[in-house]
Every structure is written in C-alpha cells, then in structure tokens.
C-alpha cells in the first residue's frame, strides 16, 4: 500500500514538472502576469465578459460558444447561448 502511494507521488511530481508554463501558449501568444487566464481553455487571457452574470472567457472560447451552436431541430431557430459557468442566457458581451 505504501509503495503505491510513493509511486503515485513520483508520477504526480513528474507530471507537474512536465506541464507547460501557463504564461505561454503553443501559438506564441502570452498571458501577462496580471491577466486572468480563461477558465475554459486555460490558455489565453480573458478578454470578454458576459454582461448579465459577469463571467469572463477568452475570445476563442466565446466564438466557439456563440457561433457553433446547433439550431433546434423542432423550430430551426438558433438557440440562445448560455454561460458555461452559471448557465444563464447570454444576450450581451463586453
């Protein structure tokens, strides 16, 4: 039992050391020290805020959320996007 715990600790320590720095992404974009990182992709700085609830996300995640929603098959209307954090309706962004 103790051997398993030690093995898990070594694995976790190795994984922690191999993770990339959150301030640098693969596409060359950097997140400044004071910027809040997107809680969806953990890659880019939050640049867009949902007016109704105040939650923030990066532009790429906002685009994916708002522009790639599938229409309702019954009504063929585009569904109102919802905030991925609180599930509130999104009508305005800042």
PDB file of N, CA and C in Angstrom:
ATOM      1  N   UNK A   1       0.829  -1.186   0.000  1.00  0.00           N
ATOM      2  CA  UNK A   1       0.000   0.000   0.000  1.00  0.00           C
ATOM      3  C   UNK A   1       0.874   1.251   0.000  1.00  0.00           C
ATOM      4  N   UNK A   2       1.878   1.262   0.872  1.00  0.00           N
ATOM      5  CA  UNK A   2       2.781   2.412   0.961  1.00  0.00           C
ATOM      6  C   UNK A   2       3.584   2.570  -0.331  1.00  0.00           C
ATOM      7  N   UNK A   3       3.942   1.455  -0.950  1.00  0.00           N
ATOM      8  CA  UNK A   3       4.696   1.503  -2.208  1.00  0.00           C
ATOM      9  C   UNK A   3       3.867   2.167  -3.301  1.00  0.00           C
ATOM     10  N   UNK A   4       2.567   1.900  -3.310  1.00  0.00           N
ATOM     11  CA  UNK A   4       1.682   2.528  -4.297  1.00  0.00           C
ATOM     12  C   UNK A   4       1.612   4.034  -4.097  1.00  0.00           C
ATOM     13  N   UNK A   5       1.539   4.468  -2.852  1.00  0.00           N
ATOM     14  CA  UNK A   5       1.486   5.909  -2.575  1.00  0.00           C
ATOM     15  C   UNK A   5       2.757   6.607  -3.036  1.00  0.00           C
ATOM     16  N   UNK A   6       3.896   5.985  -2.762  1.00  0.00           N
ATOM     17  CA  UNK A   6       5.174   6.565  -3.187  1.00  0.00           C
ATOM     18  C   UNK A   6       5.245   6.638  -4.710  1.00  0.00           C
ATOM     19  N   UNK A   7       4.776   5.585  -5.365  1.00  0.00           N
ATOM     20  CA  UNK A   7       4.766   5.569  -6.834  1.00  0.00           C
ATOM     21  C   UNK A   7       3.873   6.678  -7.372  1.00  0.00           C
ATOM     22  N   UNK A   8       2.683   6.845  -6.795  1.00  0.00           N
ATOM     23  CA  UNK A   8       1.770   7.908  -7.219  1.00  0.00           C
ATOM     24  C   UNK A   8       2.396   9.282  -7.030  1.00  0.00           C
ATOM     25  N   UNK A   9       3.073   9.480  -5.906  1.00  0.00           N
ATOM     26  CA  UNK A   9       3.733  10.765  -5.651  1.00  0.00           C
ATOM     27  C   UNK A   9       4.786  11.060  -6.709  1.00  0.00           C
ATOM     28  N   UNK A  10       5.576  10.035  -7.074  1.00  0.00           N
ATOM     29  CA  UNK A  10       6.611  10.228  -8.100  1.00  0.00           C
ATOM     30  C   UNK A  10       5.981  10.566  -9.445  1.00  0.00           C
ATOM     31  N   UNK A  11       4.898   9.876  -9.792  1.00  0.00           N
ATOM     32  CA  UNK A  11       4.218  10.126 -11.065  1.00  0.00           C
ATOM     33  C   UNK A  11       3.656  11.539 -11.089  1.00  0.00           C
ATOM     34  N   UNK A  12       2.974  11.936 -10.023  1.00  0.00           N
ATOM     35  CA  UNK A  12       2.395  13.276  -9.964  1.00  0.00           C
ATOM     36  C   UNK A  12       3.466  14.352  -9.993  1.00  0.00           C
ATOM     37  N   UNK A  13       4.572  14.110  -9.310  1.00  0.00           N
ATOM     38  CA  UNK A  13       5.662  15.082  -9.306  1.00  0.00           C
ATOM     39  C   UNK A  13       6.238  15.230 -10.709  1.00  0.00           C
ATOM     40  N   UNK A  14       6.400  14.128 -11.425  1.00  0.00           N
ATOM     41  CA  UNK A  14       6.905  14.171 -12.797  1.00  0.00           C
ATOM     42  C   UNK A  14       5.941  14.871 -13.729  1.00  0.00           C
ATOM     43  N   UNK A  15       4.640  14.628 -13.562  1.00  0.00           N
ATOM     44  CA  UNK A  15       3.635  15.280 -14.399  1.00  0.00           C
ATOM     45  C   UNK A  15       3.603  16.776 -14.128  1.00  0.00           C
ATOM     46  N   UNK A  16       3.731  17.149 -12.876  1.00  0.00           N
ATOM     47  CA  UNK A  16       3.720  18.569 -12.510  1.00  0.00           C
ATOM     48  C   UNK A  16       4.901  19.296 -13.141  1.00  0.00           C
ATOM     49  N   UNK A  17       6.055  18.670 -13.140  1.00  0.00           N
ATOM     50  CA  UNK A  17       7.247  19.290 -13.714  1.00  0.00           C
ATOM     51  C   UNK A  17       7.202  19.350 -15.231  1.00  0.00           C
ATOM     52  N   UNK A  18       6.397  18.493 -15.877  1.00  0.00           N
ATOM     53  CA  UNK A  18       6.355  18.476 -17.333  1.00  0.00           C
ATOM     54  C   UNK A  18       5.275  19.379 -17.917  1.00  0.00           C
ATOM     55  N   UNK A  19       4.419  19.957 -17.071  1.00  0.00           N
ATOM     56  CA  UNK A  19       3.372  20.842 -17.570  1.00  0.00           C
ATOM     57  C   UNK A  19       3.971  22.137 -18.085  1.00  0.00           C
ATOM     58  N   UNK A  20       3.416  22.687 -19.197  1.00  0.00           N
ATOM     59  CA  UNK A  20       3.924  23.957 -19.706  1.00  0.00           C
ATOM     60  C   UNK A  20       3.547  25.104 -18.785  1.00  0.00           C
ATOM     61  N   UNK A  21       4.303  26.152 -18.863  1.00  0.00           N
ATOM     62  CA  UNK A  21       4.019  27.341 -18.073  1.00  0.00           C
ATOM     63  C   UNK A  21       2.704  27.948 -18.527  1.00  0.00           C
ATOM     64  N   UNK A  22       1.809  28.360 -17.617  1.00  0.00           N
ATOM     65  CA  UNK A  22       0.533  28.936 -18.030  1.00  0.00           C
ATOM     66  C   UNK A  22       0.680  30.294 -18.696  1.00  0.00           C
ATOM     67  N   UNK A  23       1.856  30.896 -18.633  1.00  0.00           N
ATOM     68  CA  UNK A  23       2.023  32.212 -19.236  1.00  0.00           C
ATOM     69  C   UNK A  23       2.433  32.139 -20.695  1.00  0.00           C
ATOM     70  N   UNK A  24       2.626  30.936 -21.237  1.00  0.00           N
ATOM     71  CA  UNK A  24       2.998  30.788 -22.637  1.00  0.00           C
ATOM     72  C   UNK A  24       2.126  29.722 -23.278  1.00  0.00           C
ATOM     73  N   UNK A  25       1.601  30.013 -24.450  1.00  0.00           N
ATOM     74  CA  UNK A  25       0.790  29.044 -25.163  1.00  0.00           C
ATOM     75  C   UNK A  25       1.548  28.555 -26.385  1.00  0.00           C
ATOM     76  N   UNK A  26       1.047  27.507 -27.022  1.00  0.00           N
ATOM     77  CA  UNK A  26       1.707  26.932 -28.188  1.00  0.00           C
ATOM     78  C   UNK A  26       1.702  27.859 -29.388  1.00  0.00           C
ATOM     79  N   UNK A  27       0.713  28.738 -29.488  1.00  0.00           N
ATOM     80  CA  UNK A  27       0.633  29.600 -30.662  1.00  0.00           C
ATOM     81  C   UNK A  27       1.452  30.873 -30.514  1.00  0.00           C
ATOM     82  N   UNK A  28       2.247  30.969 -29.482  1.00  0.00           N
ATOM     83  CA  UNK A  28       3.122  32.122 -29.314  1.00  0.00           C
ATOM     84  C   UNK A  28       2.494  33.256 -28.535  1.00  0.00           C
ATOM     85  N   UNK A  29       1.200  33.205 -28.283  1.00  0.00           N
ATOM     86  CA  UNK A  29       0.547  34.258 -27.506  1.00  0.00           C
ATOM     87  C   UNK A  29       0.922  34.084 -26.044  1.00  0.00           C
ATOM     88  N   UNK A  30       1.133  35.186 -25.367  1.00  0.00           N
ATOM     89  CA  UNK A  30       1.480  35.108 -23.956  1.00  0.00           C
ATOM     90  C   UNK A  30       0.409  35.781 -23.124  1.00  0.00           C
ATOM     91  N   UNK A  31       0.286  35.326 -21.908  1.00  0.00           N
ATOM     92  CA  UNK A  31      -0.649  35.911 -20.963  1.00  0.00           C
ATOM     93  C   UNK A  31       0.179  36.714 -19.983  1.00  0.00           C
ATOM     94  N   UNK A  32      -0.150  37.982 -19.835  1.00  0.00           N
ATOM     95  CA  UNK A  32       0.628  38.816 -18.925  1.00  0.00           C
ATOM     96  C   UNK A  32       0.383  38.388 -17.485  1.00  0.00           C
ATOM     97  N   UNK A  33       1.292  38.752 -16.617  1.00  0.00           N
ATOM     98  CA  UNK A  33       1.217  38.341 -15.212  1.00  0.00           C
ATOM     99  C   UNK A  33      -0.096  38.745 -14.547  1.00  0.00           C
ATOM    100  N   UNK A  34      -0.605  39.941 -14.823  1.00  0.00           N
ATOM    101  CA  UNK A  34      -1.808  40.423 -14.167  1.00  0.00           C
ATOM    102  C   UNK A  34      -3.096  39.940 -14.804  1.00  0.00           C
ATOM    103  N   UNK A  35      -3.022  39.336 -15.985  1.00  0.00           N
ATOM    104  CA  UNK A  35      -4.224  38.914 -16.703  1.00  0.00           C
ATOM    105  C   UNK A  35      -4.783  37.627 -16.108  1.00  0.00           C
ATOM    106  N   UNK A  36      -6.089  37.514 -16.153  1.00  0.00           N
ATOM    107  CA  UNK A  36      -6.756  36.313 -15.677  1.00  0.00           C
ATOM    108  C   UNK A  36      -6.849  35.326 -16.833  1.00  0.00           C
ATOM    109  N   UNK A  37      -6.459  34.083 -16.610  1.00  0.00           N
ATOM    110  CA  UNK A  37      -6.462  33.067 -17.654  1.00  0.00           C
ATOM    111  C   UNK A  37      -7.868  32.503 -17.808  1.00  0.00           C
ATOM    112  N   UNK A  38      -8.252  32.219 -19.037  1.00  0.00           N
ATOM    113  CA  UNK A  38      -9.569  31.662 -19.348  1.00  0.00           C
ATOM    114  C   UNK A  38      -9.772  30.349 -18.592  1.00  0.00           C
ATOM    115  N   UNK A  39     -10.891  30.221 -17.899  1.00  0.00           N
ATOM    116  CA  UNK A  39     -11.182  29.020 -17.111  1.00  0.00           C
ATOM    117  C   UNK A  39     -11.726  27.877 -17.958  1.00  0.00           C
ATOM    118  N   UNK A  40     -11.921  28.123 -19.239  1.00  0.00           N
ATOM    119  CA  UNK A  40     -12.399  27.062 -20.122  1.00  0.00           C
ATOM    120  C   UNK A  40     -11.218  26.356 -20.781  1.00  0.00           C
ATOM    121  N   UNK A  41     -10.339  27.136 -21.434  1.00  0.00           N
ATOM    122  CA  UNK A  41      -9.215  26.533 -22.157  1.00  0.00           C
ATOM    123  C   UNK A  41      -7.897  26.620 -21.396  1.00  0.00           C
ATOM    124  N   UNK A  42      -7.824  27.435 -20.371  1.00  0.00           N
ATOM    125  CA  UNK A  42      -6.608  27.641 -19.574  1.00  0.00           C
ATOM    126  C   UNK A  42      -5.412  28.051 -20.437  1.00  0.00           C
ATOM    127  N   UNK A  43      -5.690  28.727 -21.546  1.00  0.00           N
ATOM    128  CA  UNK A  43      -4.621  29.043 -22.483  1.00  0.00           C
ATOM    129  C   UNK A  43      -4.462  30.533 -22.731  1.00  0.00           C
ATOM    130  N   UNK A  44      -5.555  31.256 -22.852  1.00  0.00           N
ATOM    131  CA  UNK A  44      -5.494  32.655 -23.234  1.00  0.00           C
ATOM    132  C   UNK A  44      -6.053  33.544 -22.132  1.00  0.00           C
ATOM    133  N   UNK A  45      -5.746  34.816 -22.240  1.00  0.00           N
ATOM    134  CA  UNK A  45      -6.246  35.786 -21.266  1.00  0.00           C
ATOM    135  C   UNK A  45      -7.729  36.046 -21.505  1.00  0.00           C
ATOM    136  N   UNK A  46      -8.465  36.256 -20.426  1.00  0.00           N
ATOM    137  CA  UNK A  46      -9.879  36.604 -20.531  1.00  0.00           C
ATOM    138  C   UNK A  46      -9.998  37.998 -21.123  1.00  0.00           C
ATOM    139  N   UNK A  47     -10.739  38.112 -22.202  1.00  0.00           N
ATOM    140  CA  UNK A  47     -10.898  39.399 -22.855  1.00  0.00           C
ATOM    141  C   UNK A  47     -12.359  39.790 -23.004  1.00  0.00           C
ATOM    142  N   UNK A  48     -13.270  38.853 -22.780  1.00  0.00           N
ATOM    143  CA  UNK A  48     -14.693  39.105 -22.999  1.00  0.00           C
ATOM    144  C   UNK A  48     -15.464  38.745 -21.739  1.00  0.00           C
ATOM    145  N   UNK A  49     -16.421  39.605 -21.400  1.00  0.00           N
ATOM    146  CA  UNK A  49     -17.239  39.399 -20.202  1.00  0.00           C
ATOM    147  C   UNK A  49     -18.699  39.280 -20.605  1.00  0.00           C
ATOM    148  N   UNK A  50     -19.405  38.345 -19.990  1.00  0.00           N
ATOM    149  CA  UNK A  50     -20.846  38.213 -20.185  1.00  0.00           C
ATOM    150  C   UNK A  50     -21.503  39.275 -19.323  1.00  0.00           C
ATOM    151  N   UNK A  51     -22.261  40.177 -19.941  1.00  0.00           N
ATOM    152  CA  UNK A  51     -22.847  41.313 -19.217  1.00  0.00           C
ATOM    153  C   UNK A  51     -23.796  40.880 -18.103  1.00  0.00           C
ATOM    154  N   UNK A  52     -24.609  39.887 -18.367  1.00  0.00           N
ATOM    155  CA  UNK A  52     -25.641  39.501 -17.404  1.00  0.00           C
ATOM    156  C   UNK A  52     -25.066  38.963 -16.093  1.00  0.00           C
ATOM    157  N   UNK A  53     -24.019  38.142 -16.173  1.00  0.00           N
ATOM    158  CA  UNK A  53     -23.511  37.495 -14.956  1.00  0.00           C
ATOM    159  C   UNK A  53     -22.100  37.921 -14.575  1.00  0.00           C
ATOM    160  N   UNK A  54     -21.366  38.521 -15.504  1.00  0.00           N
ATOM    161  CA  UNK A  54     -20.019  38.982 -15.204  1.00  0.00           C
ATOM    162  C   UNK A  54     -18.924  37.947 -15.384  1.00  0.00           C
ATOM    163  N   UNK A  55     -19.264  36.732 -15.812  1.00  0.00           N
ATOM    164  CA  UNK A  55     -18.233  35.723 -16.043  1.00  0.00           C
ATOM    165  C   UNK A  55     -17.403  36.105 -17.260  1.00  0.00           C
ATOM    166  N   UNK A  56     -16.134  35.698 -17.255  1.00  0.00           N
ATOM    167  CA  UNK A  56     -15.211  36.067 -18.323  1.00  0.00           C
ATOM    168  C   UNK A  56     -14.639  34.835 -19.003  1.00  0.00           C
ATOM    169  N   UNK A  57     -14.309  35.011 -20.287  1.00  0.00           N
ATOM    170  CA  UNK A  57     -13.655  33.962 -21.065  1.00  0.00           C
ATOM    171  C   UNK A  57     -12.867  34.603 -22.193  1.00  0.00           C
ATOM    172  N   UNK A  58     -12.026  33.829 -22.848  1.00  0.00           N
ATOM    173  CA  UNK A  58     -11.219  34.371 -23.940  1.00  0.00           C
ATOM    174  C   UNK A  58     -12.066  34.467 -25.210  1.00  0.00           C
ATOM    175  N   UNK A  59     -11.542  35.165 -26.195  1.00  0.00           N
ATOM    176  CA  UNK A  59     -12.265  35.375 -27.448  1.00  0.00           C
ATOM    177  C   UNK A  59     -12.507  34.062 -28.189  1.00  0.00           C
ATOM    178  N   UNK A  60     -11.533  33.162 -28.187  1.00  0.00           N
ATOM    179  CA  UNK A  60     -11.686  31.892 -28.900  1.00  0.00           C
ATOM    180  C   UNK A  60     -12.811  31.049 -28.300  1.00  0.00           C
ATOM    181  N   UNK A  61     -12.891  30.983 -26.986  1.00  0.00           N
ATOM    182  CA  UNK A  61     -13.952  30.210 -26.331  1.00  0.00           C
ATOM    183  C   UNK A  61     -15.311  30.872 -26.531  1.00  0.00           C
ATOM    184  N   UNK A  62     -15.349  32.200 -26.531  1.00  0.00           N
ATOM    185  CA  UNK A  62     -16.602  32.915 -26.773  1.00  0.00           C
ATOM    186  C   UNK A  62     -17.097  32.636 -28.179  1.00  0.00           C
ATOM    187  N   UNK A  63     -16.204  32.672 -29.145  1.00  0.00           N
ATOM    188  CA  UNK A  63     -16.565  32.394 -30.531  1.00  0.00           C
ATOM    189  C   UNK A  63     -17.107  30.979 -30.667  1.00  0.00           C
ATOM    190  N   UNK A  64     -16.431  30.021 -30.058  1.00  0.00           N
ATOM    191  CA  UNK A  64     -16.889  28.634 -30.110  1.00  0.00           C
ATOM    192  C   UNK A  64     -18.257  28.479 -29.454  1.00  0.00           C
ATOM    193  N   UNK A  65     -18.470  29.169 -28.359  1.00  0.00           N
ATOM    194  CA  UNK A  65     -19.729  29.077 -27.622  1.00  0.00           C
ATOM    195  C   UNK A  65     -20.889  29.708 -28.389  1.00  0.00           C
ATOM    196  N   UNK A  66     -20.665  30.882 -28.940  1.00  0.00           N
ATOM    197  CA  UNK A  66     -21.747  31.647 -29.560  1.00  0.00           C
ATOM    198  C   UNK A  66     -21.992  31.322 -31.032  1.00  0.00           C
ATOM    199  N   UNK A  67     -20.989  30.897 -31.736  1.00  0.00           N
ATOM    200  CA  UNK A  67     -21.128  30.749 -33.188  1.00  0.00           C
ATOM    201  C   UNK A  67     -21.250  29.314 -33.672  1.00  0.00           C
ATOM    202  N   UNK A  68     -21.064  28.367 -32.801  1.00  0.00           N
ATOM    203  CA  UNK A  68     -21.103  26.978 -33.238  1.00  0.00           C
ATOM    204  C   UNK A  68     -22.263  26.208 -32.624  1.00  0.00           C
ATOM    205  N   UNK A  69     -23.263  26.916 -32.126  1.00  0.00           N
ATOM    206  CA  UNK A  69     -24.436  26.258 -31.550  1.00  0.00           C
ATOM    207  C   UNK A  69     -25.307  25.710 -32.679  1.00  0.00           C
ATOM    208  N   UNK A  70     -25.839  24.519 -32.479  1.00  0.00           N
ATOM    209  CA  UNK A  70     -26.682  23.893 -33.494  1.00  0.00           C
ATOM    210  C   UNK A  70     -28.120  24.380 -33.340  1.00  0.00           C
ATOM    211  N   UNK A  71     -28.829  24.585 -34.460  1.00  0.00           N
ATOM    212  CA  UNK A  71     -30.229  25.022 -34.373  1.00  0.00           C
ATOM    213  C   UNK A  71     -31.113  23.945 -33.745  1.00  0.00           C
ATOM    214  N   UNK A  72     -32.180  24.396 -33.119  1.00  0.00           N
ATOM    215  CA  UNK A  72     -33.167  23.493 -32.540  1.00  0.00           C
ATOM    216  C   UNK A  72     -33.880  22.782 -33.692  1.00  0.00           C
ATOM    217  N   UNK A  73     -33.863  21.439 -33.752  1.00  0.00           N
ATOM    218  CA  UNK A  73     -34.485  20.739 -34.882  1.00  0.00           C
ATOM    219  C   UNK A  73     -35.991  20.967 -34.979  1.00  0.00           C
ATOM    220  N   UNK A  74     -36.655  21.206 -33.871  1.00  0.00           N
ATOM    221  CA  UNK A  74     -38.104  21.399 -33.895  1.00  0.00           C
ATOM    222  C   UNK A  74     -38.489  22.754 -34.476  1.00  0.00           C
ATOM    223  N   UNK A  75     -37.729  23.785 -34.152  1.00  0.00           N
ATOM    224  CA  UNK A  75     -38.094  25.136 -34.594  1.00  0.00           C
ATOM    225  C   UNK A  75     -37.143  25.708 -35.637  1.00  0.00           C
ATOM    226  N   UNK A  76     -36.010  25.066 -35.852  1.00  0.00           N
ATOM    227  CA  UNK A  76     -34.963  25.540 -36.762  1.00  0.00           C
ATOM    228  C   UNK A  76     -34.436  26.920 -36.383  1.00  0.00           C
ATOM    229  N   UNK A  77     -34.633  27.308 -35.133  1.00  0.00           N
ATOM    230  CA  UNK A  77     -34.115  28.596 -34.672  1.00  0.00           C
ATOM    231  C   UNK A  77     -32.798  28.381 -33.932  1.00  0.00           C
ATOM    232  N   UNK A  78     -31.957  29.391 -34.003  1.00  0.00           N
ATOM    233  CA  UNK A  78     -30.664  29.345 -33.320  1.00  0.00           C
ATOM    234  C   UNK A  78     -30.902  29.497 -31.815  1.00  0.00           C
ATOM    235  N   UNK A  79     -30.400  28.575 -30.997  1.00  0.00           N
ATOM    236  CA  UNK A  79     -30.616  28.695 -29.552  1.00  0.00           C
ATOM    237  C   UNK A  79     -29.810  29.843 -28.963  1.00  0.00           C
ATOM    238  N   UNK A  80     -30.324  30.413 -27.899  1.00  0.00           N
ATOM    239  CA  UNK A  80     -29.612  31.461 -27.179  1.00  0.00           C
ATOM    240  C   UNK A  80     -28.430  30.819 -26.469  1.00  0.00           C
ATOM    241  N   UNK A  81     -27.208  31.328 -26.690  1.00  0.00           N
ATOM    242  CA  UNK A  81     -26.065  30.731 -25.991  1.00  0.00           C
ATOM    243  C   UNK A  81     -26.189  30.918 -24.484  1.00  0.00           C
ATOM    244  N   UNK A  82     -25.650  29.975 -23.739  1.00  0.00           N
ATOM    245  CA  UNK A  82     -25.690  30.061 -22.280  1.00  0.00           C
ATOM    246  C   UNK A  82     -24.277  30.131 -21.727  1.00  0.00           C
ATOM    247  N   UNK A  83     -24.135  30.812 -20.613  1.00  0.00           N
ATOM    248  CA  UNK A  83     -22.851  30.944 -19.939  1.00  0.00           C
ATOM    249  C   UNK A  83     -22.415  29.556 -19.467  1.00  0.00           C
ATOM    250  N   UNK A  84     -21.196  29.132 -19.788  1.00  0.00           N
ATOM    251  CA  UNK A  84     -20.758  27.801 -19.370  1.00  0.00           C
ATOM    252  C   UNK A  84     -20.516  27.676 -17.870  1.00  0.00           C
ATOM    253  N   UNK A  85     -20.505  28.786 -17.165  1.00  0.00           N
ATOM    254  CA  UNK A  85     -20.251  28.756 -15.723  1.00  0.00           C
ATOM    255  C   UNK A  85     -21.545  28.692 -14.917  1.00  0.00           C
ATOM    256  N   UNK A  86     -22.539  29.524 -15.284  1.00  0.00           N
ATOM    257  CA  UNK A  86     -23.777  29.581 -14.491  1.00  0.00           C
ATOM    258  C   UNK A  86     -25.016  29.174 -15.289  1.00  0.00           C
ATOM    259  N   UNK A  87     -24.856  28.907 -16.577  1.00  0.00           N
ATOM    260  CA  UNK A  87     -25.946  28.505 -17.474  1.00  0.00           C
ATOM    261  C   UNK A  87     -26.995  29.591 -17.691  1.00  0.00           C
ATOM    262  N   UNK A  88     -26.653  30.830 -17.369  1.00  0.00           N
ATOM    263  CA  UNK A  88     -27.541  31.950 -17.659  1.00  0.00           C
ATOM    264  C   UNK A  88     -27.484  32.288 -19.140  1.00  0.00           C
ATOM    265  N   UNK A  89     -28.558  32.851 -19.665  1.00  0.00           N
ATOM    266  CA  UNK A  89     -28.598  33.228 -21.073  1.00  0.00           C
ATOM    267  C   UNK A  89     -27.622  34.356 -21.383  1.00  0.00           C
ATOM    268  N   UNK A  90     -26.996  34.287 -22.547  1.00  0.00           N
ATOM    269  CA  UNK A  90     -26.071  35.335 -22.981  1.00  0.00           C
ATOM    270  C   UNK A  90     -26.750  36.165 -24.057  1.00  0.00           C
ATOM    271  N   UNK A  91     -26.969  37.441 -23.763  1.00  0.00           N
ATOM    272  CA  UNK A  91     -27.532  38.347 -24.764  1.00  0.00           C
ATOM    273  C   UNK A  91     -26.581  39.481 -25.096  1.00  0.00           C
ATOM    274  N   UNK A  92     -25.670  39.806 -24.171  1.00  0.00           N
ATOM    275  CA  UNK A  92     -24.710  40.892 -24.412  1.00  0.00           C
ATOM    276  C   UNK A  92     -23.340  40.506 -23.873  1.00  0.00           C
ATOM    277  N   UNK A  93     -22.321  40.930 -24.609  1.00  0.00           N
ATOM    278  CA  UNK A  93     -20.935  40.702 -24.203  1.00  0.00           C
ATOM    279  C   UNK A  93     -20.222  42.033 -24.092  1.00  0.00           C
ATOM    280  N   UNK A  94     -19.203  42.092 -23.269  1.00  0.00           N
ATOM    281  CA  UNK A  94     -18.407  43.317 -23.141  1.00  0.00           C
ATOM    282  C   UNK A  94     -16.950  42.988 -23.349  1.00  0.00           C
TER     283      UNK A  94
END
